[in-house]
Structures are given as C-alpha cells and as structure tokens.
Protein backbone atom coordinates (compact mmCIF):
# COMPACT_ATOMS: atom_id res chain seq x y z
CA UNK A 1 96.18 68.61 76.69
CA UNK A 2 96.71 72.30 76.04
CA UNK A 3 100.14 73.93 76.26
CA UNK A 4 100.81 76.77 78.69
CA UNK A 5 100.73 79.29 75.87
CA UNK A 6 97.30 78.05 74.73
CA UNK A 7 95.91 78.39 78.27
CA UNK A 8 97.12 81.98 78.81
CA UNK A 9 95.67 84.07 76.01
CA UNK A 10 96.57 87.64 77.02
CA UNK A 11 97.02 89.90 80.04
CA UNK A 12 94.17 92.22 80.97
CA UNK A 13 95.37 95.76 81.52
CA UNK A 14 92.74 97.98 83.12
CA UNK A 15 92.75 100.57 85.84
CA UNK A 16 91.40 98.05 88.35
CA UNK A 17 93.95 95.37 87.42
CA UNK A 18 96.78 97.90 87.78
CA UNK A 19 95.61 98.77 91.30
CA UNK A 20 95.59 95.07 92.21
CA UNK A 21 99.25 94.71 91.19
CA UNK A 22 100.23 96.34 94.49
CA UNK A 23 98.63 93.30 96.20
CA UNK A 24 100.61 90.96 93.88
CA UNK A 25 97.50 90.07 91.86
CA UNK A 26 97.67 89.81 88.06
CA UNK A 27 94.77 89.41 85.64
CA UNK A 28 94.76 87.29 82.47
CA UNK A 29 92.32 86.14 79.83
CA UNK A 30 92.53 82.34 79.75
CA UNK A 31 91.05 79.47 77.77
CA UNK A 32 87.44 78.70 78.71
CA UNK A 33 88.23 74.99 79.12
CA UNK A 34 91.14 75.54 81.54
CA UNK A 35 90.70 74.88 85.25
CA UNK A 36 92.48 76.52 88.20
CA UNK A 37 95.17 73.84 88.45
CA UNK A 38 96.07 74.13 84.77
CA UNK A 39 96.13 77.94 84.98
CA UNK A 40 98.43 77.82 88.04
CA UNK A 41 100.88 75.46 86.29
CA UNK A 42 100.83 77.56 83.11
CA UNK A 43 101.58 80.83 84.93
CA UNK A 44 104.39 79.23 86.93
CA UNK A 45 105.92 77.68 83.81
CA UNK A 46 105.69 80.72 81.54
CA UNK A 47 106.68 83.47 83.99
CA UNK A 48 108.79 81.49 86.50
CA UNK A 49 106.86 82.65 89.60
CA UNK A 50 105.13 80.91 92.51
CA UNK A 51 101.32 81.18 92.54
CA UNK A 52 99.44 81.20 95.85
CA UNK A 53 95.84 81.41 94.62
CA UNK A 54 93.85 81.47 91.38
CA UNK A 55 90.40 83.02 91.10
CA UNK A 56 88.45 82.44 87.87
CA UNK A 57 85.26 83.86 86.44
CA UNK A 58 83.28 83.49 83.24
CA UNK A 59 82.51 86.78 81.50
CA UNK A 60 79.45 86.83 79.27
CA UNK A 61 79.80 88.60 75.93
CA UNK A 62 77.90 91.82 75.40
CA UNK A 63 74.93 92.01 73.05
CA UNK A 64 75.77 94.66 70.43
CA UNK A 65 73.66 96.03 67.63
CA UNK A 66 74.30 98.09 64.54
CA UNK A 67 71.08 99.44 63.09
CA UNK A 68 68.51 96.67 62.90
CA UNK A 69 71.14 93.93 63.12
CA UNK A 70 72.16 92.57 66.48
CA UNK A 71 74.91 90.20 67.49
CA UNK A 72 76.77 88.98 70.52
CA UNK A 73 80.42 89.14 71.42
CA UNK A 74 81.91 85.80 72.50
CA UNK A 75 81.99 84.67 76.14
CA UNK A 76 85.44 84.40 77.73
CA UNK A 77 87.15 83.44 80.98
CA UNK A 78 89.19 85.67 83.26
CA UNK A 79 91.71 84.56 85.90
CA UNK A 80 93.13 86.65 88.74
CA UNK A 81 96.41 85.13 89.95
CA UNK A 82 97.84 85.99 93.39
CA UNK A 83 101.57 85.40 93.83
CA UNK A 84 103.25 84.29 97.04
CA UNK A 85 105.11 86.84 99.18
CA UNK A 86 108.59 85.45 98.38
CA UNK A 87 107.94 85.11 94.63
CA UNK A 88 109.37 87.56 92.13
CA UNK A 89 107.02 89.82 90.17
CA UNK A 90 105.94 89.20 86.58
CA UNK A 91 108.37 91.23 84.47
CA UNK A 92 105.86 91.88 81.70
CA UNK A 93 103.84 94.16 84.00
CA UNK A 94 106.84 96.03 85.50
CA UNK A 95 107.10 98.54 82.64
CA UNK A 96 103.42 99.44 82.86
CA UNK A 97 103.44 100.87 86.36
C-alpha cells in the first residue's frame, strides 16, 4: 500500500491547468499504479479538501533524439481533481494565481 505522498508526485502548473482552477479543478502527476479511489483519498488527506470527481489519463513519453541516438522519456499518469462547491481551495495553488 502506497502512502498519500507516494501517490501524489507533483502538481502540474501549465496555462491550461491555471485556467481550470476557476472551475475548482486541479492537476497533479500521480503514481502510475494508483487508481481513482486512492488518488481521491490521498488528495483529501494531504490537502484537507473534499473531492467530487477524479479524471485520470496515461501520458505516453515523447521519443527524443540527439544526433544518431534516440531514446524515450518515461510514461506517466495525470489526474485532474474537481473539488466540491463547499470545499476550501488548495492553498498551494493560491499564490500562483
């Protein structure tokens, strides 16, 4: 069993994810093995908020090359978490807006 801090790897801060914060949606990189139920419990435990919905997607790593050598970046998993209307916001993201 993974801990909450092993499930949530890091927040994803892009222009699109910042626009979604107005809709109370937050984006995180999560462990590939984690499912939606584990992600929901981890977010609620770490940030003290109420989660309404979790959307997950697998992101395939890009194929990169340098000269004749080519390699591939690792695959990863992304989760978009929607908070309930009466839940507080995630304080980590408040300073970024």
